[in-house]
Amino acid sequence: MSHTPIYKIVDVAAWQAAEAAGVFTGAAVDVQDGFIHFSSAAQVAETAAKHFAGQSHLLLVAVRPEALGEALRWEVSRGGARFPHLYASLPLSAVSAVTPLPLGSDGRHIFPVELDG
């Protein structure tokens, strides 16, 4: 299994609730779809632009995929690309980093200079 991080964009309030609970059960769209949506480093900027355009108060959560076991599946999604989907709650022990995801003056999110992956 890959040791390259996968990424989840999460609202600050939702992440604070996850920290209080000790587990992240997903955003509304995740609950609706039956799995937690993630993106690879190559996919996450497009995910932000498509699903989080103009939204502030977001975090970029890096997750170690090897810590998720068989509940993590790479499935065909947007444009035929394979995206990581977690069919379980996200244990916070699998999280390697949580970084603010601010908006730039152009309304696009500013990602860390280098994302692993």
PDB file of N, CA and C in Angstrom:
ATOM      1  N   MET A   1       0.843  -1.181   0.000  1.00  0.00           N
ATOM      2  CA  MET A   1       0.000   0.000   0.000  1.00  0.00           C
ATOM      3  C   MET A   1       0.886   1.241   0.000  1.00  0.00           C
ATOM      4  N   SER A   2       0.401   2.300  -0.593  1.00  0.00           N
ATOM      5  CA  SER A   2       1.150   3.538  -0.716  1.00  0.00           C
ATOM      6  C   SER A   2       1.339   4.230   0.631  1.00  0.00           C
ATOM      7  N   HIS A   3       2.494   4.893   0.769  1.00  0.00           N
ATOM      8  CA  HIS A   3       2.756   5.707   1.949  1.00  0.00           C
ATOM      9  C   HIS A   3       2.644   7.186   1.609  1.00  0.00           C
ATOM     10  N   THR A   4       2.192   7.494   0.393  1.00  0.00           N
ATOM     11  CA  THR A   4       1.992   8.871  -0.041  1.00  0.00           C
ATOM     12  C   THR A   4       0.696   9.394   0.546  1.00  0.00           C
ATOM     13  N   PRO A   5       0.728  10.546   1.208  1.00  0.00           N
ATOM     14  CA  PRO A   5      -0.496  11.045   1.849  1.00  0.00           C
ATOM     15  C   PRO A   5      -1.645  11.267   0.870  1.00  0.00           C
ATOM     16  N   ILE A   6      -2.848  11.138   1.390  1.00  0.00           N
ATOM     17  CA  ILE A   6      -4.054  11.568   0.690  1.00  0.00           C
ATOM     18  C   ILE A   6      -4.609  12.739   1.478  1.00  0.00           C
ATOM     19  N   TYR A   7      -5.490  13.516   0.851  1.00  0.00           N
ATOM     20  CA  TYR A   7      -5.909  14.781   1.440  1.00  0.00           C
ATOM     21  C   TYR A   7      -7.421  14.912   1.503  1.00  0.00           C
ATOM     22  N   LYS A   8      -7.868  15.558   2.585  1.00  0.00           N
ATOM     23  CA  LYS A   8      -9.279  15.875   2.796  1.00  0.00           C
ATOM     24  C   LYS A   8      -9.381  17.359   3.104  1.00  0.00           C
ATOM     25  N   ILE A   9     -10.284  18.050   2.418  1.00  0.00           N
ATOM     26  CA  ILE A   9     -10.561  19.449   2.717  1.00  0.00           C
ATOM     27  C   ILE A   9     -11.753  19.476   3.668  1.00  0.00           C
ATOM     28  N   VAL A  10     -11.568  20.134   4.812  1.00  0.00           N
ATOM     29  CA  VAL A  10     -12.572  20.091   5.872  1.00  0.00           C
ATOM     30  C   VAL A  10     -12.797  21.493   6.432  1.00  0.00           C
ATOM     31  N   ASP A  11     -14.039  21.809   6.696  1.00  0.00           N
ATOM     32  CA  ASP A  11     -14.399  23.050   7.374  1.00  0.00           C
ATOM     33  C   ASP A  11     -13.824  23.027   8.795  1.00  0.00           C
ATOM     34  N   VAL A  12     -13.320  24.163   9.254  1.00  0.00           N
ATOM     35  CA  VAL A  12     -12.697  24.250  10.579  1.00  0.00           C
ATOM     36  C   VAL A  12     -13.635  23.745  11.672  1.00  0.00           C
ATOM     37  N   ALA A  13     -14.880  24.166  11.657  1.00  0.00           N
ATOM     38  CA  ALA A  13     -15.833  23.755  12.698  1.00  0.00           C
ATOM     39  C   ALA A  13     -16.039  22.236  12.690  1.00  0.00           C
ATOM     40  N   ALA A  14     -16.136  21.640  11.507  1.00  0.00           N
ATOM     41  CA  ALA A  14     -16.315  20.191  11.414  1.00  0.00           C
ATOM     42  C   ALA A  14     -15.089  19.463  11.949  1.00  0.00           C
ATOM     43  N   TRP A  15     -13.908  20.018  11.692  1.00  0.00           N
ATOM     44  CA  TRP A  15     -12.692  19.367  12.175  1.00  0.00           C
ATOM     45  C   TRP A  15     -12.578  19.507  13.695  1.00  0.00           C
ATOM     46  N   GLN A  16     -12.966  20.652  14.225  1.00  0.00           N
ATOM     47  CA  GLN A  16     -12.954  20.825  15.677  1.00  0.00           C
ATOM     48  C   GLN A  16     -13.892  19.821  16.343  1.00  0.00           C
ATOM     49  N   ALA A  17     -15.038  19.573  15.725  1.00  0.00           N
ATOM     50  CA  ALA A  17     -15.979  18.579  16.249  1.00  0.00           C
ATOM     51  C   ALA A  17     -15.355  17.183  16.193  1.00  0.00           C
ATOM     52  N   ALA A  18     -14.630  16.891  15.116  1.00  0.00           N
ATOM     53  CA  ALA A  18     -13.963  15.594  14.984  1.00  0.00           C
ATOM     54  C   ALA A  18     -12.895  15.433  16.062  1.00  0.00           C
ATOM     55  N   GLU A  19     -12.147  16.490  16.311  1.00  0.00           N
ATOM     56  CA  GLU A  19     -11.119  16.416  17.352  1.00  0.00           C
ATOM     57  C   GLU A  19     -11.751  16.165  18.723  1.00  0.00           C
ATOM     58  N   ALA A  20     -12.869  16.799  18.974  1.00  0.00           N
ATOM     59  CA  ALA A  20     -13.563  16.597  20.250  1.00  0.00           C
ATOM     60  C   ALA A  20     -14.088  15.166  20.375  1.00  0.00           C
ATOM     61  N   ALA A  21     -14.538  14.602  19.254  1.00  0.00           N
ATOM     62  CA  ALA A  21     -15.097  13.244  19.248  1.00  0.00           C
ATOM     63  C   ALA A  21     -14.020  12.172  19.144  1.00  0.00           C
ATOM     64  N   GLY A  22     -12.840  12.561  18.657  1.00  0.00           N
ATOM     65  CA  GLY A  22     -11.760  11.593  18.479  1.00  0.00           C
ATOM     66  C   GLY A  22     -11.803  10.857  17.160  1.00  0.00           C
ATOM     67  N   VAL A  23     -12.767  11.227  16.292  1.00  0.00           N
ATOM     68  CA  VAL A  23     -12.916  10.563  14.994  1.00  0.00           C
ATOM     69  C   VAL A  23     -13.659  11.506  14.043  1.00  0.00           C
ATOM     70  N   PHE A  24     -13.341  11.421  12.756  1.00  0.00           N
ATOM     71  CA  PHE A  24     -14.045  12.212  11.749  1.00  0.00           C
ATOM     72  C   PHE A  24     -14.977  11.279  10.981  1.00  0.00           C
ATOM     73  N   THR A  25     -16.267  11.545  11.056  1.00  0.00           N
ATOM     74  CA  THR A  25     -17.246  10.672  10.404  1.00  0.00           C
ATOM     75  C   THR A  25     -17.644  11.167   9.023  1.00  0.00           C
ATOM     76  N   GLY A  26     -17.125  12.328   8.640  1.00  0.00           N
ATOM     77  CA  GLY A  26     -17.376  12.832   7.295  1.00  0.00           C
ATOM     78  C   GLY A  26     -18.203  14.094   7.283  1.00  0.00           C
ATOM     79  N   ALA A  27     -18.087  14.819   6.185  1.00  0.00           N
ATOM     80  CA  ALA A  27     -18.916  15.993   5.927  1.00  0.00           C
ATOM     81  C   ALA A  27     -20.273  15.507   5.415  1.00  0.00           C
ATOM     82  N   ALA A  28     -21.205  16.424   5.243  1.00  0.00           N
ATOM     83  CA  ALA A  28     -22.555  16.056   4.786  1.00  0.00           C
ATOM     84  C   ALA A  28     -22.509  15.261   3.483  1.00  0.00           C
ATOM     85  N   VAL A  29     -21.674  15.674   2.533  1.00  0.00           N
ATOM     86  CA  VAL A  29     -21.596  14.959   1.253  1.00  0.00           C
ATOM     87  C   VAL A  29     -21.042  13.545   1.442  1.00  0.00           C
ATOM     88  N   ASP A  30     -20.126  13.384   2.385  1.00  0.00           N
ATOM     89  CA  ASP A  30     -19.573  12.056   2.651  1.00  0.00           C
ATOM     90  C   ASP A  30     -20.650  11.130   3.217  1.00  0.00           C
ATOM     91  N   VAL A  31     -21.388  11.639   4.188  1.00  0.00           N
ATOM     92  CA  VAL A  31     -22.464  10.853   4.796  1.00  0.00           C
ATOM     93  C   VAL A  31     -23.493  10.472   3.728  1.00  0.00           C
ATOM     94  N   GLN A  32     -23.833  11.428   2.869  1.00  0.00           N
ATOM     95  CA  GLN A  32     -24.809  11.177   1.798  1.00  0.00           C
ATOM     96  C   GLN A  32     -24.320  10.109   0.829  1.00  0.00           C
ATOM     97  N   ASP A  33     -23.030  10.144   0.488  1.00  0.00           N
ATOM     98  CA  ASP A  33     -22.480   9.203  -0.494  1.00  0.00           C
ATOM     99  C   ASP A  33     -22.076   7.860   0.110  1.00  0.00           C
ATOM    100  N   GLY A  34     -21.984   7.792   1.436  1.00  0.00           N
ATOM    101  CA  GLY A  34     -21.653   6.525   2.080  1.00  0.00           C
ATOM    102  C   GLY A  34     -20.169   6.261   2.220  1.00  0.00           C
ATOM    103  N   PHE A  35     -19.334   7.256   1.973  1.00  0.00           N
ATOM    104  CA  PHE A  35     -17.884   7.132   2.147  1.00  0.00           C
ATOM    105  C   PHE A  35     -17.292   8.525   2.282  1.00  0.00           C
ATOM    106  N   ILE A  36     -16.081   8.600   2.827  1.00  0.00           N
ATOM    107  CA  ILE A  36     -15.388   9.880   2.963  1.00  0.00           C
ATOM    108  C   ILE A  36     -14.538  10.099   1.716  1.00  0.00           C
ATOM    109  N   HIS A  37     -14.760  11.223   1.070  1.00  0.00           N
ATOM    110  CA  HIS A  37     -14.023  11.598  -0.136  1.00  0.00           C
ATOM    111  C   HIS A  37     -12.631  12.124   0.213  1.00  0.00           C
ATOM    112  N   PHE A  38     -11.633  11.660  -0.486  1.00  0.00           N
ATOM    113  CA  PHE A  38     -10.266  12.173  -0.380  1.00  0.00           C
ATOM    114  C   PHE A  38      -9.762  12.487  -1.780  1.00  0.00           C
ATOM    115  N   SER A  39      -8.624  13.162  -1.837  1.00  0.00           N
ATOM    116  CA  SER A  39      -7.946  13.446  -3.102  1.00  0.00           C
ATOM    117  C   SER A  39      -6.462  13.159  -2.936  1.00  0.00           C
ATOM    118  N   SER A  40      -5.819  12.840  -4.046  1.00  0.00           N
ATOM    119  CA  SER A  40      -4.357  12.731  -4.040  1.00  0.00           C
ATOM    120  C   SER A  40      -3.788  14.148  -4.109  1.00  0.00           C
ATOM    121  N   ALA A  41      -2.485  14.276  -3.947  1.00  0.00           N
ATOM    122  CA  ALA A  41      -1.831  15.589  -4.044  1.00  0.00           C
ATOM    123  C   ALA A  41      -2.081  16.212  -5.409  1.00  0.00           C
ATOM    124  N   ALA A  42      -2.099  15.391  -6.453  1.00  0.00           N
ATOM    125  CA  ALA A  42      -2.309  15.900  -7.813  1.00  0.00           C
ATOM    126  C   ALA A  42      -3.756  16.327  -8.048  1.00  0.00           C
ATOM    127  N   GLN A  43      -4.693  15.853  -7.243  1.00  0.00           N
ATOM    128  CA  GLN A  43      -6.118  16.118  -7.447  1.00  0.00           C
ATOM    129  C   GLN A  43      -6.700  17.192  -6.540  1.00  0.00           C
ATOM    130  N   VAL A  44      -6.039  17.481  -5.413  1.00  0.00           N
ATOM    131  CA  VAL A  44      -6.684  18.263  -4.358  1.00  0.00           C
ATOM    132  C   VAL A  44      -6.947  19.721  -4.749  1.00  0.00           C
ATOM    133  N   ALA A  45      -6.104  20.340  -5.544  1.00  0.00           N
ATOM    134  CA  ALA A  45      -6.359  21.730  -5.950  1.00  0.00           C
ATOM    135  C   ALA A  45      -7.610  21.811  -6.822  1.00  0.00           C
ATOM    136  N   GLU A  46      -7.784  20.850  -7.718  1.00  0.00           N
ATOM    137  CA  GLU A  46      -8.987  20.820  -8.552  1.00  0.00           C
ATOM    138  C   GLU A  46     -10.227  20.541  -7.700  1.00  0.00           C
ATOM    139  N   THR A  47     -10.087  19.674  -6.717  1.00  0.00           N
ATOM    140  CA  THR A  47     -11.194  19.406  -5.801  1.00  0.00           C
ATOM    141  C   THR A  47     -11.605  20.693  -5.079  1.00  0.00           C
ATOM    142  N   ALA A  48     -10.625  21.447  -4.606  1.00  0.00           N
ATOM    143  CA  ALA A  48     -10.917  22.709  -3.918  1.00  0.00           C
ATOM    144  C   ALA A  48     -11.645  23.675  -4.844  1.00  0.00           C
ATOM    145  N   ALA A  49     -11.162  23.800  -6.072  1.00  0.00           N
ATOM    146  CA  ALA A  49     -11.775  24.729  -7.028  1.00  0.00           C
ATOM    147  C   ALA A  49     -13.193  24.311  -7.396  1.00  0.00           C
ATOM    148  N   LYS A  50     -13.417  23.012  -7.516  1.00  0.00           N
ATOM    149  CA  LYS A  50     -14.723  22.516  -7.950  1.00  0.00           C
ATOM    150  C   LYS A  50     -15.758  22.488  -6.824  1.00  0.00           C
ATOM    151  N   HIS A  51     -15.348  22.083  -5.637  1.00  0.00           N
ATOM    152  CA  HIS A  51     -16.310  21.845  -4.548  1.00  0.00           C
ATOM    153  C   HIS A  51     -16.255  22.854  -3.404  1.00  0.00           C
ATOM    154  N   PHE A  52     -15.191  23.668  -3.343  1.00  0.00           N
ATOM    155  CA  PHE A  52     -15.025  24.592  -2.217  1.00  0.00           C
ATOM    156  C   PHE A  52     -14.717  26.016  -2.667  1.00  0.00           C
ATOM    157  N   ALA A  53     -15.028  26.347  -3.904  1.00  0.00           N
ATOM    158  CA  ALA A  53     -14.700  27.659  -4.465  1.00  0.00           C
ATOM    159  C   ALA A  53     -15.206  28.788  -3.576  1.00  0.00           C
ATOM    160  N   GLY A  54     -14.316  29.706  -3.240  1.00  0.00           N
ATOM    161  CA  GLY A  54     -14.679  30.880  -2.471  1.00  0.00           C
ATOM    162  C   GLY A  54     -14.930  30.650  -0.994  1.00  0.00           C
ATOM    163  N   GLN A  55     -14.822  29.414  -0.530  1.00  0.00           N
ATOM    164  CA  GLN A  55     -15.097  29.115   0.885  1.00  0.00           C
ATOM    165  C   GLN A  55     -13.860  29.369   1.739  1.00  0.00           C
ATOM    166  N   SER A  56     -14.064  30.040   2.839  1.00  0.00           N
ATOM    167  CA  SER A  56     -12.980  30.262   3.782  1.00  0.00           C
ATOM    168  C   SER A  56     -13.170  29.333   4.973  1.00  0.00           C
ATOM    169  N   HIS A  57     -12.291  29.438   5.943  1.00  0.00           N
ATOM    170  CA  HIS A  57     -12.346  28.623   7.165  1.00  0.00           C
ATOM    171  C   HIS A  57     -12.238  27.130   6.859  1.00  0.00           C
ATOM    172  N   LEU A  58     -11.296  26.812   5.955  1.00  0.00           N
ATOM    173  CA  LEU A  58     -11.072  25.413   5.595  1.00  0.00           C
ATOM    174  C   LEU A  58      -9.692  24.953   6.057  1.00  0.00           C
ATOM    175  N   LEU A  59      -9.575  23.659   6.215  1.00  0.00           N
ATOM    176  CA  LEU A  59      -8.310  23.029   6.564  1.00  0.00           C
ATOM    177  C   LEU A  59      -7.981  21.964   5.530  1.00  0.00           C
ATOM    178  N   LEU A  60      -6.702  21.749   5.323  1.00  0.00           N
ATOM    179  CA  LEU A  60      -6.225  20.656   4.484  1.00  0.00           C
ATOM    180  C   LEU A  60      -5.667  19.589   5.421  1.00  0.00           C
ATOM    181  N   VAL A  61      -6.319  18.439   5.427  1.00  0.00           N
ATOM    182  CA  VAL A  61      -5.943  17.347   6.328  1.00  0.00           C
ATOM    183  C   VAL A  61      -5.199  16.292   5.521  1.00  0.00           C
ATOM    184  N   ALA A  62      -3.947  16.035   5.909  1.00  0.00           N
ATOM    185  CA  ALA A  62      -3.139  14.995   5.271  1.00  0.00           C
ATOM    186  C   ALA A  62      -3.289  13.709   6.061  1.00  0.00           C
ATOM    187  N   VAL A  63      -3.500  12.618   5.350  1.00  0.00           N
ATOM    188  CA  VAL A  63      -3.786  11.328   5.978  1.00  0.00           C
ATOM    189  C   VAL A  63      -2.844  10.260   5.427  1.00  0.00           C
ATOM    190  N   ARG A  64      -2.383   9.394   6.312  1.00  0.00           N
ATOM    191  CA  ARG A  64      -1.541   8.264   5.910  1.00  0.00           C
ATOM    192  C   ARG A  64      -2.452   7.127   5.435  1.00  0.00           C
ATOM    193  N   PRO A  65      -2.472   6.841   4.145  1.00  0.00           N
ATOM    194  CA  PRO A  65      -3.399   5.820   3.641  1.00  0.00           C
ATOM    195  C   PRO A  65      -3.132   4.428   4.199  1.00  0.00           C
ATOM    196  N   GLU A  66      -1.883   4.129   4.515  1.00  0.00           N
ATOM    197  CA  GLU A  66      -1.566   2.790   5.037  1.00  0.00           C
ATOM    198  C   GLU A  66      -2.208   2.547   6.392  1.00  0.00           C
ATOM    199  N   ALA A  67      -2.615   3.616   7.074  1.00  0.00           N
ATOM    200  CA  ALA A  67      -3.263   3.483   8.385  1.00  0.00           C
ATOM    201  C   ALA A  67      -4.757   3.182   8.276  1.00  0.00           C
ATOM    202  N   LEU A  68      -5.290   3.176   7.044  1.00  0.00           N
ATOM    203  CA  LEU A  68      -6.735   3.029   6.863  1.00  0.00           C
ATOM    204  C   LEU A  68      -7.169   1.619   6.487  1.00  0.00           C
ATOM    205  N   GLY A  69      -6.229   0.789   6.128  1.00  0.00           N
ATOM    206  CA  GLY A  69      -6.541  -0.604   5.819  1.00  0.00           C
ATOM    207  C   GLY A  69      -7.435  -0.776   4.596  1.00  0.00           C
ATOM    208  N   GLU A  70      -8.198  -1.859   4.621  1.00  0.00           N
ATOM    209  CA  GLU A  70      -9.013  -2.236   3.466  1.00  0.00           C
ATOM    210  C   GLU A  70     -10.251  -1.366   3.287  1.00  0.00           C
ATOM    211  N   ALA A  71     -10.556  -0.514   4.251  1.00  0.00           N
ATOM    212  CA  ALA A  71     -11.704   0.388   4.113  1.00  0.00           C
ATOM    213  C   ALA A  71     -11.425   1.497   3.096  1.00  0.00           C
ATOM    214  N   LEU A  72     -10.146   1.687   2.728  1.00  0.00           N
ATOM    215  CA  LEU A  72      -9.775   2.683   1.721  1.00  0.00           C
ATOM    216  C   LEU A  72      -9.751   2.018   0.350  1.00  0.00           C
ATOM    217  N   ARG A  73     -10.501   2.595  -0.570  1.00  0.00           N
ATOM    218  CA  ARG A  73     -10.553   2.068  -1.947  1.00  0.00           C
ATOM    219  C   ARG A  73     -10.333   3.206  -2.932  1.00  0.00           C
ATOM    220  N   TRP A  74      -9.578   2.925  -3.969  1.00  0.00           N
ATOM    221  CA  TRP A  74      -9.377   3.890  -5.056  1.00  0.00           C
ATOM    222  C   TRP A  74     -10.395   3.556  -6.131  1.00  0.00           C
ATOM    223  N   GLU A  75     -11.305   4.499  -6.395  1.00  0.00           N
ATOM    224  CA  GLU A  75     -12.407   4.244  -7.314  1.00  0.00           C
ATOM    225  C   GLU A  75     -12.490   5.327  -8.377  1.00  0.00           C
ATOM    226  N   VAL A  76     -12.973   4.936  -9.539  1.00  0.00           N
ATOM    227  CA  VAL A  76     -13.120   5.863 -10.653  1.00  0.00           C
ATOM    228  C   VAL A  76     -14.186   6.894 -10.307  1.00  0.00           C
ATOM    229  N   SER A  77     -13.845   8.150 -10.546  1.00  0.00           N
ATOM    230  CA  SER A  77     -14.753   9.251 -10.253  1.00  0.00           C
ATOM    231  C   SER A  77     -14.606  10.301 -11.347  1.00  0.00           C
ATOM    232  N   ARG A  78     -14.450  11.555 -10.943  1.00  0.00           N
ATOM    233  CA  ARG A  78     -14.396  12.693 -11.852  1.00  0.00           C
ATOM    234  C   ARG A  78     -13.451  12.455 -13.027  1.00  0.00           C
ATOM    235  N   GLY A  79     -13.975  12.576 -14.232  1.00  0.00           N
ATOM    236  CA  GLY A  79     -13.158  12.480 -15.436  1.00  0.00           C
ATOM    237  C   GLY A  79     -12.466  11.151 -15.633  1.00  0.00           C
ATOM    238  N   GLY A  80     -12.963  10.115 -14.991  1.00  0.00           N
ATOM    239  CA  GLY A  80     -12.348   8.800 -15.135  1.00  0.00           C
ATOM    240  C   GLY A  80     -11.148   8.581 -14.224  1.00  0.00           C
ATOM    241  N   ALA A  81     -10.788   9.593 -13.432  1.00  0.00           N
ATOM    242  CA  ALA A  81      -9.651   9.462 -12.514  1.00  0.00           C
ATOM    243  C   ALA A  81     -10.051   8.628 -11.305  1.00  0.00           C
ATOM    244  N   ARG A  82      -9.062   7.964 -10.729  1.00  0.00           N
ATOM    245  CA  ARG A  82      -9.301   7.174  -9.513  1.00  0.00           C
ATOM    246  C   ARG A  82      -9.050   8.049  -8.295  1.00  0.00           C
ATOM    247  N   PHE A  83     -10.046   8.097  -7.409  1.00  0.00           N
ATOM    248  CA  PHE A  83      -9.964   8.884  -6.184  1.00  0.00           C
ATOM    249  C   PHE A  83     -10.029   7.954  -4.982  1.00  0.00           C
ATOM    250  N   PRO A  84      -9.364   8.325  -3.878  1.00  0.00           N
ATOM    251  CA  PRO A  84      -9.452   7.523  -2.658  1.00  0.00           C
ATOM    252  C   PRO A  84     -10.753   7.794  -1.915  1.00  0.00           C
ATOM    253  N   HIS A  85     -11.440   6.721  -1.565  1.00  0.00           N
ATOM    254  CA  HIS A  85     -12.698   6.785  -0.816  1.00  0.00           C
ATOM    255  C   HIS A  85     -12.555   5.892   0.411  1.00  0.00           C
ATOM    256  N   LEU A  86     -12.934   6.416   1.572  1.00  0.00           N
ATOM    257  CA  LEU A  86     -12.842   5.655   2.818  1.00  0.00           C
ATOM    258  C   LEU A  86     -14.229   5.219   3.258  1.00  0.00           C
ATOM    259  N   TYR A  87     -14.434   3.917   3.310  1.00  0.00           N
ATOM    260  CA  TYR A  87     -15.716   3.341   3.723  1.00  0.00           C
ATOM    261  C   TYR A  87     -15.690   3.021   5.215  1.00  0.00           C
ATOM    262  N   ALA A  88     -15.361   4.020   5.997  1.00  0.00           N
ATOM    263  CA  ALA A  88     -15.320   3.926   7.453  1.00  0.00           C
ATOM    264  C   ALA A  88     -15.101   5.341   7.971  1.00  0.00           C
ATOM    265  N   SER A  89     -15.179   5.513   9.267  1.00  0.00           N
ATOM    266  CA  SER A  89     -14.812   6.793   9.862  1.00  0.00           C
ATOM    267  C   SER A  89     -13.298   6.941   9.812  1.00  0.00           C
ATOM    268  N   LEU A  90     -12.851   8.185   9.811  1.00  0.00           N
ATOM    269  CA  LEU A  90     -11.419   8.471   9.784  1.00  0.00           C
ATOM    270  C   LEU A  90     -10.890   8.573  11.212  1.00  0.00           C
ATOM    271  N   PRO A  91     -10.038   7.624  11.618  1.00  0.00           N
ATOM    272  CA  PRO A  91      -9.439   7.741  12.946  1.00  0.00           C
ATOM    273  C   PRO A  91      -8.395   8.867  12.930  1.00  0.00           C
ATOM    274  N   LEU A  92      -8.415   9.710  13.924  1.00  0.00           N
ATOM    275  CA  LEU A  92      -7.475  10.837  13.934  1.00  0.00           C
ATOM    276  C   LEU A  92      -6.031  10.375  14.019  1.00  0.00           C
ATOM    277  N   SER A  93      -5.812   9.151  14.460  1.00  0.00           N
ATOM    278  CA  SER A  93      -4.450   8.602  14.514  1.00  0.00           C
ATOM    279  C   SER A  93      -3.847   8.431  13.117  1.00  0.00           C
ATOM    280  N   ALA A  94      -4.670   8.432  12.071  1.00  0.00           N
ATOM    281  CA  ALA A  94      -4.178   8.304  10.697  1.00  0.00           C
ATOM    282  C   ALA A  94      -3.774   9.648  10.087  1.00  0.00           C
ATOM    283  N   VAL A  95      -4.060  10.735  10.781  1.00  0.00           N
ATOM    284  CA  VAL A  95      -3.786  12.082  10.276  1.00  0.00           C
ATOM    285  C   VAL A  95      -2.328  12.442  10.534  1.00  0.00           C
ATOM    286  N   SER A  96      -1.637  12.894   9.489  1.00  0.00           N
ATOM    287  CA  SER A  96      -0.228  13.276   9.637  1.00  0.00           C
ATOM    288  C   SER A  96      -0.035  14.783   9.735  1.00  0.00           C
ATOM    289  N   ALA A  97      -0.993  15.572   9.234  1.00  0.00           N
ATOM    290  CA  ALA A  97      -0.866  17.031   9.311  1.00  0.00           C
ATOM    291  C   ALA A  97      -2.219  17.678   9.069  1.00  0.00           C
ATOM    292  N   VAL A  98      -2.418  18.837   9.693  1.00  0.00           N
ATOM    293  CA  VAL A  98      -3.607  19.657   9.472  1.00  0.00           C
ATOM    294  C   VAL A  98      -3.098  21.075   9.238  1.00  0.00           C
ATOM    295  N   THR A  99      -3.402  21.610   8.053  1.00  0.00           N
ATOM    296  CA  THR A  99      -2.872  22.904   7.630  1.00  0.00           C
ATOM    297  C   THR A  99      -4.012  23.825   7.221  1.00  0.00           C
ATOM    298  N   PRO A 100      -3.980  25.097   7.608  1.00  0.00           N
ATOM    299  CA  PRO A 100      -4.994  26.041   7.122  1.00  0.00           C
ATOM    300  C   PRO A 100      -4.957  26.120   5.595  1.00  0.00           C
ATOM    301  N   LEU A 101      -6.117  26.318   4.994  1.00  0.00           N
ATOM    302  CA  LEU A 101      -6.236  26.431   3.536  1.00  0.00           C
ATOM    303  C   LEU A 101      -6.889  27.783   3.220  1.00  0.00           C
ATOM    304  N   PRO A 102      -6.078  28.851   3.282  1.00  0.00           N
ATOM    305  CA  PRO A 102      -6.627  30.193   3.101  1.00  0.00           C
ATOM    306  C   PRO A 102      -6.987  30.491   1.648  1.00  0.00           C
ATOM    307  N   LEU A 103      -7.814  31.511   1.498  1.00  0.00           N
ATOM    308  CA  LEU A 103      -8.162  32.010   0.165  1.00  0.00           C
ATOM    309  C   LEU A 103      -7.183  33.111  -0.229  1.00  0.00           C
ATOM    310  N   GLY A 104      -6.760  33.092  -1.479  1.00  0.00           N
ATOM    311  CA  GLY A 104      -5.938  34.160  -2.004  1.00  0.00           C
ATOM    312  C   GLY A 104      -6.813  35.315  -2.459  1.00  0.00           C
ATOM    313  N   SER A 105      -6.202  36.409  -2.863  1.00  0.00           N
ATOM    314  CA  SER A 105      -6.949  37.586  -3.315  1.00  0.00           C
ATOM    315  C   SER A 105      -7.756  37.292  -4.573  1.00  0.00           C
ATOM    316  N   ASP A 106      -7.364  36.234  -5.301  1.00  0.00           N
ATOM    317  CA  ASP A 106      -8.098  35.844  -6.510  1.00  0.00           C
ATOM    318  C   ASP A 106      -9.261  34.906  -6.210  1.00  0.00           C
ATOM    319  N   GLY A 107      -9.473  34.587  -4.917  1.00  0.00           N
ATOM    320  CA  GLY A 107     -10.577  33.708  -4.539  1.00  0.00           C
ATOM    321  C   GLY A 107     -10.249  32.233  -4.623  1.00  0.00           C
ATOM    322  N   ARG A 108      -9.009  31.904  -5.004  1.00  0.00           N
ATOM    323  CA  ARG A 108      -8.583  30.496  -5.069  1.00  0.00           C
ATOM    324  C   ARG A 108      -7.819  30.149  -3.792  1.00  0.00           C
ATOM    325  N   HIS A 109      -7.879  28.911  -3.405  1.00  0.00           N
ATOM    326  CA  HIS A 109      -7.195  28.483  -2.190  1.00  0.00           C
ATOM    327  C   HIS A 109      -5.687  28.443  -2.387  1.00  0.00           C
ATOM    328  N   ILE A 110      -4.978  28.771  -1.324  1.00  0.00           N
ATOM    329  CA  ILE A 110      -3.518  28.770  -1.346  1.00  0.00           C
ATOM    330  C   ILE A 110      -3.039  27.486  -0.649  1.00  0.00           C
ATOM    331  N   PHE A 111      -2.438  26.613  -1.442  1.00  0.00           N
ATOM    332  CA  PHE A 111      -1.954  25.341  -0.917  1.00  0.00           C
ATOM    333  C   PHE A 111      -0.503  25.469  -0.461  1.00  0.00           C
ATOM    334  N   PRO A 112      -0.090  24.592   0.458  1.00  0.00           N
ATOM    335  CA  PRO A 112       1.334  24.581   0.818  1.00  0.00           C
ATOM    336  C   PRO A 112       2.173  24.432  -0.450  1.00  0.00           C
ATOM    337  N   VAL A 113       3.367  24.986  -0.429  1.00  0.00           N
ATOM    338  CA  VAL A 113       4.221  24.983  -1.616  1.00  0.00           C
ATOM    339  C   VAL A 113       4.390  23.579  -2.172  1.00  0.00           C
ATOM    340  N   GLU A 114       4.644  22.638  -1.290  1.00  0.00           N
ATOM    341  CA  GLU A 114       4.839  21.261  -1.744  1.00  0.00           C
ATOM    342  C   GLU A 114       3.916  20.332  -0.978  1.00  0.00           C
ATOM    343  N   LEU A 115       3.128  19.581  -1.717  1.00  0.00           N
ATOM    344  CA  LEU A 115       2.325  18.521  -1.110  1.00  0.00           C
ATOM    345  C   LEU A 115       3.036  17.211  -1.408  1.00  0.00           C
ATOM    346  N   ASP A 116       3.086  16.349  -0.437  1.00  0.00           N
ATOM    347  CA  ASP A 116       3.659  15.028  -0.688  1.00  0.00           C
ATOM    348  C   ASP A 116       2.770  14.281  -1.648  1.00  0.00           C
ATOM    349  N   GLY A 117       3.380  13.665  -2.636  1.00  0.00           N
ATOM    350  CA  GLY A 117       2.589  12.873  -3.557  1.00  0.00           C
ATOM    351  C   GLY A 117       2.804  13.324  -4.932  1.00  0.00           C
TER     352      GLY A 117
END
